[in-house]
């Protein structure tokens, strides 16, 4: 009995001495300076994580990890089996082109810019067609999602949507209708442009046919010959008028001679009457002689008036008439020269009618060819293909989905293991007595 008591006492002393030795290395909370002056407590890093500790934590919670990963895989497989397979349905539309006159020639120009066509399709055509189709078939319009895109640096517009194989007929119908609406919208512009060029072509062909008609060439020659005859008649008339004025001008010389003769005769009569009047005045003795003198005086006065008129006519009127006739003759000469030049030009034109006609035919033929080429270069907006389904499904595949859920399950399982470990540590700390936490 005494030996047993001795052993127990020895064990208690060993435990007490061990606690005292540990207390010498760990400073007390109420003694910041430590058990003796100059003591510095050793520091241990708290932020280092041991891979062994991590492995131990994961190993302790291996059942939880396996359960979470298995649940994630089951969920991934279930979702992959339930998830419908979707395909891409698409149609490509090429925007039409017209011709734009730049002043230096014609250049191709899109009916609508790609951005404008894209805005029309996205904001107007797609919503309207989907609403109309859903109303006709009593479906939910939100089930159909369409979009339109333009490949970089192209004049193509791709209308596409994603749906199941069961929705394929609906998507094909909707996409085809959207493409048709865009084609119809551009068709009005193209019809007006084509009609404008076709009207020009009809006018050009009419002119070409008229130029190629031999009757037209004969009519042209006949018109020119008639014009020459008219000018010739006018020139002959002018020539006759010139001859008449020249004759009239020559008659003025005869008039001058007659006037001069009359002036000479009057002057002779005035001289004779002057002598008679002087004689009568010197010998006037009765009433009869006085009357004779008065009559002679009247005749002298009248002769002087006639003489003055003749002299004015000879010196003033006749020169004026000459100047007028010369001016008229000069004017008629100029007019005749104009007619002569017109006749010469018309005769040159008559000689060149055939060559000019050939040149005009060649020019007009080229014009007709250019108009035909422009009409042929007009490209209407059209669908390059009917709406088609993609060969392979789109979106996340079933295998990828299962692998993704497996990866997420692993991540979630590791997180759950560390959460469970933290909860376990917290619970153990809650069961430690306050007396164990106090320093010895």
Protein backbone atom coordinates (compact mmCIF):
# COMPACT_ATOMS: atom_id res chain seq x y z
CA UNK A 1 0.00 0.00 0.00
CA UNK A 2 2.81 2.42 0.91
CA UNK A 3 4.63 1.64 -2.31
CA UNK A 4 1.49 2.44 -4.34
CA UNK A 5 1.10 5.79 -2.60
CA UNK A 6 4.73 6.55 -3.21
CA UNK A 7 4.35 5.90 -6.94
CA UNK A 8 1.30 8.17 -7.19
CA UNK A 9 3.09 10.99 -5.40
CA UNK A 10 6.08 10.63 -7.71
CA UNK A 11 3.80 10.91 -10.81
CA UNK A 12 2.13 14.03 -9.43
CA UNK A 13 5.50 15.62 -8.74
CA UNK A 14 6.65 14.84 -12.30
CA UNK A 15 3.54 16.44 -13.77
CA UNK A 16 3.93 19.51 -11.58
CA UNK A 17 7.63 19.91 -12.43
CA UNK A 18 6.80 19.54 -16.18
CA UNK A 19 4.20 22.30 -15.94
CA UNK A 20 6.70 24.54 -14.15
CA UNK A 21 9.30 23.92 -16.85
CA UNK A 22 6.80 24.83 -19.59
CA UNK A 23 5.87 27.97 -17.73
CA UNK A 24 9.48 29.06 -17.80
CA UNK A 25 9.39 29.17 -21.63
CA UNK A 26 5.91 30.73 -22.13
CA UNK A 27 5.37 34.21 -20.64
CA UNK A 28 2.26 34.80 -18.58
CA UNK A 29 -0.45 37.07 -19.82
CA UNK A 30 -0.08 39.40 -16.81
CA UNK A 31 3.72 39.53 -17.13
CA UNK A 32 4.72 41.05 -20.51
CA UNK A 33 8.38 41.09 -19.51
CA UNK A 34 8.45 37.29 -19.10
CA UNK A 35 9.63 35.19 -16.12
CA UNK A 36 12.95 37.01 -15.92
CA UNK A 37 14.47 40.20 -17.36
CA UNK A 38 15.73 39.99 -20.97
CA UNK A 39 13.48 37.02 -21.81
CA UNK A 40 12.03 37.02 -25.36
CA UNK A 41 9.35 34.46 -26.21
CA UNK A 42 9.98 32.53 -29.43
CA UNK A 43 7.62 33.40 -32.33
CA UNK A 44 5.96 30.72 -34.49
CA UNK A 45 4.48 31.57 -37.97
CA UNK A 46 0.68 31.30 -38.02
CA UNK A 47 0.08 31.82 -41.79
CA UNK A 48 1.97 28.75 -43.06
CA UNK A 49 -0.21 25.88 -44.35
CA UNK A 50 1.18 22.38 -44.40
CA UNK A 51 0.24 20.13 -47.32
CA UNK A 52 0.15 17.25 -44.88
CA UNK A 53 -2.44 19.06 -42.78
CA UNK A 54 -4.53 19.75 -45.91
CA UNK A 55 -4.32 16.13 -46.94
CA UNK A 56 -5.30 15.02 -43.47
CA UNK A 57 -8.33 17.33 -43.52
CA UNK A 58 -9.41 15.99 -46.91
CA UNK A 59 -8.82 12.41 -45.78
CA UNK A 60 -10.89 12.87 -42.64
CA UNK A 61 -13.80 14.13 -44.81
CA UNK A 62 -13.36 11.75 -47.73
CA UNK A 63 -16.91 10.48 -47.44
CA UNK A 64 -18.27 14.02 -47.67
CA UNK A 65 -16.06 14.75 -50.70
CA UNK A 66 -17.12 11.57 -52.49
CA UNK A 67 -20.77 12.31 -51.74
CA UNK A 68 -20.61 15.90 -53.06
CA UNK A 69 -18.69 14.91 -56.20
CA UNK A 70 -21.09 12.05 -56.88
CA UNK A 71 -24.08 14.35 -56.40
CA UNK A 72 -22.60 16.89 -58.80
CA UNK A 73 -21.93 14.21 -61.42
CA UNK A 74 -25.45 12.86 -61.04
CA UNK A 75 -26.84 16.38 -61.42
CA UNK A 76 -24.65 16.96 -64.51
CA UNK A 77 -25.74 13.70 -66.11
CA UNK A 78 -29.40 14.44 -65.34
CA UNK A 79 -29.15 17.93 -66.79
CA UNK A 80 -27.32 16.61 -69.86
CA UNK A 81 -30.12 14.06 -70.40
CA UNK A 82 -32.87 16.59 -69.84
CA UNK A 83 -31.25 19.50 -71.72
CA UNK A 84 -32.65 19.69 -75.28
CA UNK A 85 -30.25 19.60 -78.21
CA UNK A 86 -30.26 22.91 -80.05
CA UNK A 87 -29.16 23.69 -83.56
CA UNK A 88 -28.42 26.93 -85.37
CA UNK A 89 -30.81 27.91 -88.16
CA UNK A 90 -29.56 30.65 -90.49
CA UNK A 91 -30.02 32.27 -93.88
CA UNK A 92 -27.72 34.73 -95.67
CA UNK A 93 -29.03 37.74 -97.60
CA UNK A 94 -26.89 39.76 -100.03
CA UNK A 95 -27.73 43.47 -100.18
CA UNK A 96 -28.38 44.66 -103.73
CA UNK A 97 -26.45 47.39 -105.54
CA UNK A 98 -27.40 50.26 -107.84
CA UNK A 99 -25.34 52.72 -109.90
CA UNK A 100 -24.39 56.17 -108.65
CA UNK A 101 -23.36 58.93 -111.07
CA UNK A 102 -20.27 60.58 -109.55
CA UNK A 103 -19.75 63.04 -112.39
CA UNK A 104 -16.67 61.11 -113.56
CA UNK A 105 -18.50 57.88 -114.27
CA UNK A 106 -20.80 55.40 -112.57
CA UNK A 107 -19.96 53.49 -109.39
CA UNK A 108 -21.83 50.68 -107.67
CA UNK A 109 -23.74 51.80 -104.62
CA UNK A 110 -25.57 49.66 -102.03
CA UNK A 111 -29.35 50.07 -101.92
CA UNK A 112 -29.06 50.38 -98.13
CA UNK A 113 -25.95 50.67 -96.03
CA UNK A 114 -25.24 47.50 -94.01
CA UNK A 115 -26.00 49.33 -90.75
CA UNK A 116 -29.35 50.57 -92.08
CA UNK A 117 -30.35 47.12 -93.32
CA UNK A 118 -29.27 45.59 -89.99
CA UNK A 119 -31.35 48.12 -88.03
CA UNK A 120 -34.41 47.42 -90.19
CA UNK A 121 -34.11 43.67 -89.65
CA UNK A 122 -33.42 43.80 -85.91
CA UNK A 123 -35.83 46.57 -84.95
CA UNK A 124 -38.71 45.99 -87.36
CA UNK A 125 -38.79 42.82 -89.42
CA UNK A 126 -37.79 40.22 -86.79
CA UNK A 127 -40.24 41.35 -84.05
CA UNK A 128 -43.10 41.76 -86.55
CA UNK A 129 -42.60 38.32 -88.14
CA UNK A 130 -42.25 36.55 -84.78
CA UNK A 131 -45.40 38.19 -83.41
CA UNK A 132 -47.35 37.32 -86.54
CA UNK A 133 -46.17 33.69 -86.60
CA UNK A 134 -46.88 33.22 -82.87
CA UNK A 135 -50.38 34.67 -83.27
CA UNK A 136 -51.16 32.44 -86.26
CA UNK A 137 -50.01 29.24 -84.50
CA UNK A 138 -51.10 30.17 -80.95
CA UNK A 139 -47.54 30.06 -79.58
CA UNK A 140 -45.53 32.10 -77.14
CA UNK A 141 -43.49 34.66 -79.06
CA UNK A 142 -40.78 34.63 -76.37
CA UNK A 143 -39.81 31.09 -77.35
CA UNK A 144 -38.25 32.33 -80.57
CA UNK A 145 -35.03 34.30 -80.47
CA UNK A 146 -33.56 35.64 -83.70
CA UNK A 147 -30.62 37.88 -84.39
CA UNK A 148 -28.97 39.45 -87.42
CA UNK A 149 -25.27 40.09 -87.98
CA UNK A 150 -23.07 41.50 -90.72
CA UNK A 151 -19.72 39.81 -91.39
CA UNK A 152 -16.81 42.25 -91.36
CA UNK A 153 -16.26 44.25 -94.56
CA UNK A 154 -19.07 42.59 -96.50
CA UNK A 155 -22.47 43.37 -97.92
CA UNK A 156 -23.99 40.21 -96.49
CA UNK A 157 -26.55 40.00 -93.69
CA UNK A 158 -26.94 36.76 -91.73
CA UNK A 159 -30.28 36.06 -90.01
CA UNK A 160 -29.98 33.28 -87.43
CA UNK A 161 -31.63 31.68 -84.42
CA UNK A 162 -31.07 28.74 -82.05
CA UNK A 163 -33.74 26.11 -81.48
CA UNK A 164 -34.46 22.42 -81.10
CA UNK A 165 -35.06 20.09 -83.98
CA UNK A 166 -38.78 20.22 -83.24
CA UNK A 167 -38.66 24.02 -83.67
CA UNK A 168 -36.81 23.72 -86.97
CA UNK A 169 -39.88 24.19 -89.16
CA UNK A 170 -40.92 27.31 -87.24
CA UNK A 171 -37.43 28.82 -87.37
CA UNK A 172 -37.10 28.11 -91.10
CA UNK A 173 -40.45 29.78 -91.78
CA UNK A 174 -39.68 32.84 -89.62
CA UNK A 175 -36.17 33.35 -91.01
CA UNK A 176 -37.41 32.96 -94.60
CA UNK A 177 -40.13 35.54 -93.98
CA UNK A 178 -37.68 38.03 -92.43
CA UNK A 179 -35.36 37.65 -95.43
CA UNK A 180 -38.33 38.07 -97.79
CA UNK A 181 -39.41 41.28 -95.99
CA UNK A 182 -35.94 42.76 -96.50
CA UNK A 183 -35.96 41.74 -100.17
CA UNK A 184 -39.43 43.27 -100.64
CA UNK A 185 -38.35 46.50 -98.93
CA UNK A 186 -35.40 46.87 -101.30
CA UNK A 187 -37.43 45.73 -104.31
CA UNK A 188 -39.34 49.05 -104.48
CA UNK A 189 -36.09 51.01 -104.71
CA UNK A 190 -34.69 48.61 -107.30
CA UNK A 191 -37.86 48.74 -109.43
CA UNK A 192 -37.74 52.55 -109.58
CA UNK A 193 -34.04 52.47 -110.47
CA UNK A 194 -34.53 49.78 -113.11
CA UNK A 195 -37.53 51.61 -114.61
CA UNK A 196 -35.45 54.79 -114.92
CA UNK A 197 -32.67 53.03 -116.82
CA UNK A 198 -35.12 51.05 -118.98
CA UNK A 199 -36.84 54.31 -120.01
CA UNK A 200 -33.45 55.71 -121.02
CA UNK A 201 -32.75 52.51 -122.96
CA UNK A 202 -36.06 52.76 -124.84
CA UNK A 203 -35.33 56.35 -125.83
CA UNK A 204 -31.80 55.43 -126.91
CA UNK A 205 -33.07 52.52 -129.03
CA UNK A 206 -35.64 54.78 -130.66
CA UNK A 207 -32.96 57.28 -131.60
CA UNK A 208 -30.73 54.48 -132.90
CA UNK A 209 -33.52 53.06 -135.07
CA UNK A 210 -34.23 56.50 -136.48
CA UNK A 211 -30.54 56.97 -137.30
CA UNK A 212 -30.33 53.57 -138.98
CA UNK A 213 -33.45 54.13 -141.11
CA UNK A 214 -32.44 54.95 -144.77
CA UNK A 215 -35.60 57.02 -145.14
CA UNK A 216 -34.42 59.24 -142.33
CA UNK A 217 -31.13 59.82 -144.16
CA UNK A 218 -33.02 60.80 -147.31
CA UNK A 219 -35.24 63.12 -145.32
CA UNK A 220 -32.19 64.75 -143.79
CA UNK A 221 -30.70 65.35 -147.24
CA UNK A 222 -34.02 66.67 -148.50
CA UNK A 223 -34.27 69.06 -145.54
CA UNK A 224 -30.78 70.37 -146.20
CA UNK A 225 -31.48 70.79 -149.93
CA UNK A 226 -34.66 72.70 -149.14
CA UNK A 227 -32.76 74.89 -146.73
CA UNK A 228 -30.16 75.58 -149.43
CA UNK A 229 -32.92 76.49 -151.89
CA UNK A 230 -34.52 78.83 -149.37
CA UNK A 231 -31.23 80.55 -148.73
CA UNK A 232 -30.56 80.75 -152.46
CA UNK A 233 -33.98 82.35 -153.06
CA UNK A 234 -33.31 84.88 -150.33
CA UNK A 235 -29.91 85.66 -151.78
CA UNK A 236 -31.42 86.09 -155.27
CA UNK A 237 -33.99 88.45 -153.85
CA UNK A 238 -31.27 90.47 -152.16
CA UNK A 239 -29.30 90.56 -155.41
CA UNK A 240 -32.34 91.85 -157.29
CA UNK A 241 -32.88 94.53 -154.68
CA UNK A 242 -29.22 95.58 -155.00
CA UNK A 243 -29.58 95.83 -158.78
CA UNK A 244 -32.74 97.91 -158.39
CA UNK A 245 -31.04 100.27 -155.94
CA UNK A 246 -28.05 100.63 -158.26
CA UNK A 247 -30.40 101.50 -161.14
CA UNK A 248 -32.10 104.00 -158.91
CA UNK A 249 -28.72 105.39 -157.96
CA UNK A 250 -27.82 105.82 -161.65
CA UNK A 251 -31.09 107.62 -162.31
CA UNK A 252 -30.04 110.24 -159.82
CA UNK A 253 -27.41 111.38 -162.35
CA UNK A 254 -30.13 111.87 -164.94
CA UNK A 255 -32.14 113.76 -162.37
CA UNK A 256 -29.14 115.98 -161.70
CA UNK A 257 -28.80 116.81 -165.41
CA UNK A 258 -32.50 117.62 -165.72
CA UNK A 259 -32.41 119.79 -162.60
CA UNK A 260 -29.34 121.61 -163.87
CA UNK A 261 -31.04 122.24 -167.22
CA UNK A 262 -34.11 123.55 -165.45
CA UNK A 263 -31.95 125.80 -163.27
CA UNK A 264 -30.17 127.14 -166.37
CA UNK A 265 -33.49 127.81 -168.13
CA UNK A 266 -34.92 129.61 -165.12
CA UNK A 267 -31.80 131.69 -164.78
CA UNK A 268 -32.13 132.65 -168.50
CA UNK A 269 -35.78 133.53 -168.00
CA UNK A 270 -34.93 135.60 -164.92
CA UNK A 271 -32.35 137.54 -166.89
CA UNK A 272 -34.86 138.22 -169.70
CA UNK A 273 -37.63 139.16 -167.27
CA UNK A 274 -35.21 141.45 -165.41
CA UNK A 275 -34.44 143.37 -168.59
CA UNK A 276 -38.13 143.63 -169.46
CA UNK A 277 -38.97 144.78 -165.99
CA UNK A 278 -36.26 147.47 -166.05
CA UNK A 279 -37.47 148.72 -169.44
CA UNK A 280 -41.05 148.84 -168.25
CA UNK A 281 -40.17 150.80 -165.16
CA UNK A 282 -38.24 153.41 -167.12
CA UNK A 283 -40.99 153.82 -169.68
CA UNK A 284 -44.10 153.53 -167.50
CA UNK A 285 -46.47 156.29 -168.49
CA UNK A 286 -49.96 154.92 -168.24
CA UNK A 287 -52.01 152.39 -166.34
CA UNK A 288 -51.54 149.57 -168.87
CA UNK A 289 -47.82 149.82 -168.69
CA UNK A 290 -47.95 149.71 -164.86
CA UNK A 291 -50.06 146.54 -164.96
CA UNK A 292 -47.59 144.90 -167.31
CA UNK A 293 -44.77 145.79 -164.99
CA UNK A 294 -46.60 144.20 -162.02
CA UNK A 295 -47.16 140.96 -163.95
CA UNK A 296 -43.53 140.80 -164.90
CA UNK A 297 -42.55 141.28 -161.30
CA UNK A 298 -44.77 138.34 -160.22
CA UNK A 299 -43.25 136.06 -162.84
CA UNK A 300 -39.75 137.00 -161.65
CA UNK A 301 -40.69 136.22 -158.06
CA UNK A 302 -42.11 132.81 -158.97
CA UNK A 303 -39.09 131.98 -161.06
CA UNK A 304 -36.80 132.76 -158.16
CA UNK A 305 -38.81 130.43 -155.85
CA UNK A 306 -38.57 127.64 -158.39
CA UNK A 307 -34.86 128.30 -158.78
CA UNK A 308 -34.31 128.07 -155.02
CA UNK A 309 -36.24 124.78 -154.86
CA UNK A 310 -34.26 123.28 -157.71
CA UNK A 311 -30.97 124.37 -156.21
CA UNK A 312 -31.93 122.85 -152.82
CA UNK A 313 -32.93 119.64 -154.53
CA UNK A 314 -29.69 119.52 -156.48
CA UNK A 315 -27.38 120.38 -153.59
CA UNK A 316 -29.16 118.76 -150.60
CA UNK A 317 -31.82 116.25 -151.52
CA UNK A 318 -29.93 114.51 -154.25
CA UNK A 319 -26.80 113.87 -152.12
CA UNK A 320 -29.00 112.61 -149.27
CA UNK A 321 -30.70 110.20 -151.63
CA UNK A 322 -27.31 108.97 -152.83
CA UNK A 323 -26.11 108.32 -149.26
CA UNK A 324 -29.32 106.47 -148.40
CA UNK A 325 -29.10 104.32 -151.51
CA UNK A 326 -25.44 103.52 -150.82
CA UNK A 327 -26.24 102.55 -147.21
CA UNK A 328 -29.04 100.28 -148.36
CA UNK A 329 -26.81 98.73 -151.00
CA UNK A 330 -24.06 98.06 -148.38
CA UNK A 331 -26.58 96.49 -146.01
CA UNK A 332 -27.91 94.26 -148.75
CA UNK A 333 -24.37 93.23 -149.67
CA UNK A 334 -23.78 92.14 -146.07
CA UNK A 335 -27.08 90.28 -146.00
CA UNK A 336 -26.20 88.54 -149.26
CA UNK A 337 -22.84 87.52 -147.79
CA UNK A 338 -24.60 85.98 -144.79
CA UNK A 339 -26.86 83.97 -147.08
CA UNK A 340 -23.86 82.94 -149.12
CA UNK A 341 -22.10 81.64 -146.00
CA UNK A 342 -25.19 79.75 -144.91
CA UNK A 343 -25.47 78.16 -148.32
CA UNK A 344 -21.81 77.10 -148.15
CA UNK A 345 -22.31 75.62 -144.67
CA UNK A 346 -25.43 73.76 -145.76
CA UNK A 347 -23.63 72.33 -148.77
CA UNK A 348 -20.82 71.12 -146.50
CA UNK A 349 -23.45 69.59 -144.22
CA UNK A 350 -25.06 67.89 -147.19
CA UNK A 351 -21.72 66.34 -148.08
CA UNK A 352 -21.16 65.18 -144.47
CA UNK A 353 -24.63 63.81 -143.81
CA UNK A 354 -23.63 60.22 -144.55
CA UNK A 355 -20.42 60.31 -142.48
CA UNK A 356 -22.14 62.17 -139.63
CA UNK A 357 -24.91 59.62 -139.69
CA UNK A 358 -22.42 56.77 -139.39
CA UNK A 359 -20.71 58.51 -136.50
CA UNK A 360 -24.04 59.16 -134.75
CA UNK A 361 -25.03 55.52 -135.24
CA UNK A 362 -21.77 54.37 -133.66
CA UNK A 363 -22.16 56.76 -130.71
CA UNK A 364 -25.78 55.79 -130.13
CA UNK A 365 -24.94 52.08 -130.39
CA UNK A 366 -22.32 52.58 -127.69
CA UNK A 367 -24.87 54.43 -125.58
CA UNK A 368 -27.36 51.56 -125.92
CA UNK A 369 -24.67 49.04 -124.93
CA UNK A 370 -23.72 51.08 -121.87
CA UNK A 371 -27.34 51.31 -120.74
CA UNK A 372 -27.77 47.55 -121.17
CA UNK A 373 -24.60 46.99 -119.16
CA UNK A 374 -25.84 49.28 -116.40
CA UNK A 375 -29.17 47.49 -116.23
CA UNK A 376 -27.35 44.15 -116.10
CA UNK A 377 -25.11 45.43 -113.29
CA UNK A 378 -28.11 46.23 -111.08
CA UNK A 379 -28.16 43.51 -108.42
CA UNK A 380 -31.32 43.00 -106.44
CA UNK A 381 -31.25 42.07 -102.77
CA UNK A 382 -31.67 38.30 -102.60
CA UNK A 383 -31.22 35.36 -100.25
CA UNK A 384 -28.12 33.34 -101.05
CA UNK A 385 -29.61 30.21 -99.49
CA UNK A 386 -32.74 28.92 -97.84
CA UNK A 387 -32.75 28.74 -94.02
CA UNK A 388 -30.63 25.71 -93.09
CA UNK A 389 -29.88 23.83 -89.89
CA UNK A 390 -26.32 23.51 -88.69
CA UNK A 391 -24.75 20.05 -88.97
CA UNK A 392 -23.60 19.95 -85.34
CA UNK A 393 -25.53 21.08 -82.28
CA UNK A 394 -24.65 24.44 -80.77
CA UNK A 395 -24.05 25.33 -77.15
CA UNK A 396 -22.44 23.19 -74.43
CA UNK A 397 -22.30 19.49 -75.30
CA UNK A 398 -23.41 16.74 -72.94
CA UNK A 399 -19.89 15.47 -72.24
CA UNK A 400 -18.61 18.96 -71.59
CA UNK A 401 -21.58 19.60 -69.30
CA UNK A 402 -20.89 16.45 -67.25
CA UNK A 403 -17.19 17.32 -66.97
CA UNK A 404 -18.05 20.87 -65.94
CA UNK A 405 -20.39 19.63 -63.21
CA UNK A 406 -17.70 17.17 -62.08
CA UNK A 407 -15.13 19.95 -61.81
CA UNK A 408 -17.58 22.15 -59.94
CA UNK A 409 -18.41 19.19 -57.69
CA UNK A 410 -14.72 18.73 -56.80
CA UNK A 411 -14.36 22.40 -55.96
CA UNK A 412 -17.52 22.37 -53.89
CA UNK A 413 -16.48 19.16 -52.11
CA UNK A 414 -13.09 20.60 -51.10
CA UNK A 415 -14.80 23.72 -49.86
CA UNK A 416 -17.36 21.63 -47.94
CA UNK A 417 -14.52 19.58 -46.35
CA UNK A 418 -12.78 22.67 -45.02
CA UNK A 419 -16.09 24.08 -43.81
CA UNK A 420 -16.81 20.82 -41.98
CA UNK A 421 -13.30 20.87 -40.47
CA UNK A 422 -13.81 24.43 -39.26
CA UNK A 423 -17.15 23.53 -37.73
CA UNK A 424 -15.55 20.52 -35.99
CA UNK A 425 -12.73 22.64 -34.53
CA UNK A 426 -15.24 25.20 -33.32
CA UNK A 427 -17.24 22.50 -31.58
CA UNK A 428 -14.17 21.04 -29.85
CA UNK A 429 -13.11 24.44 -28.61
CA UNK A 430 -16.58 24.98 -27.21
CA UNK A 431 -16.20 21.81 -25.05
CA UNK A 432 -12.85 22.88 -23.44
CA UNK A 433 -13.33 23.87 -19.77
CA UNK A 434 -12.30 27.35 -18.55
CA UNK A 435 -9.92 25.78 -16.06
CA UNK A 436 -7.96 24.23 -18.95
CA UNK A 437 -7.60 27.61 -20.59
CA UNK A 438 -6.09 29.26 -17.49
CA UNK A 439 -2.30 29.35 -17.15
CA UNK A 440 -0.68 27.04 -14.61
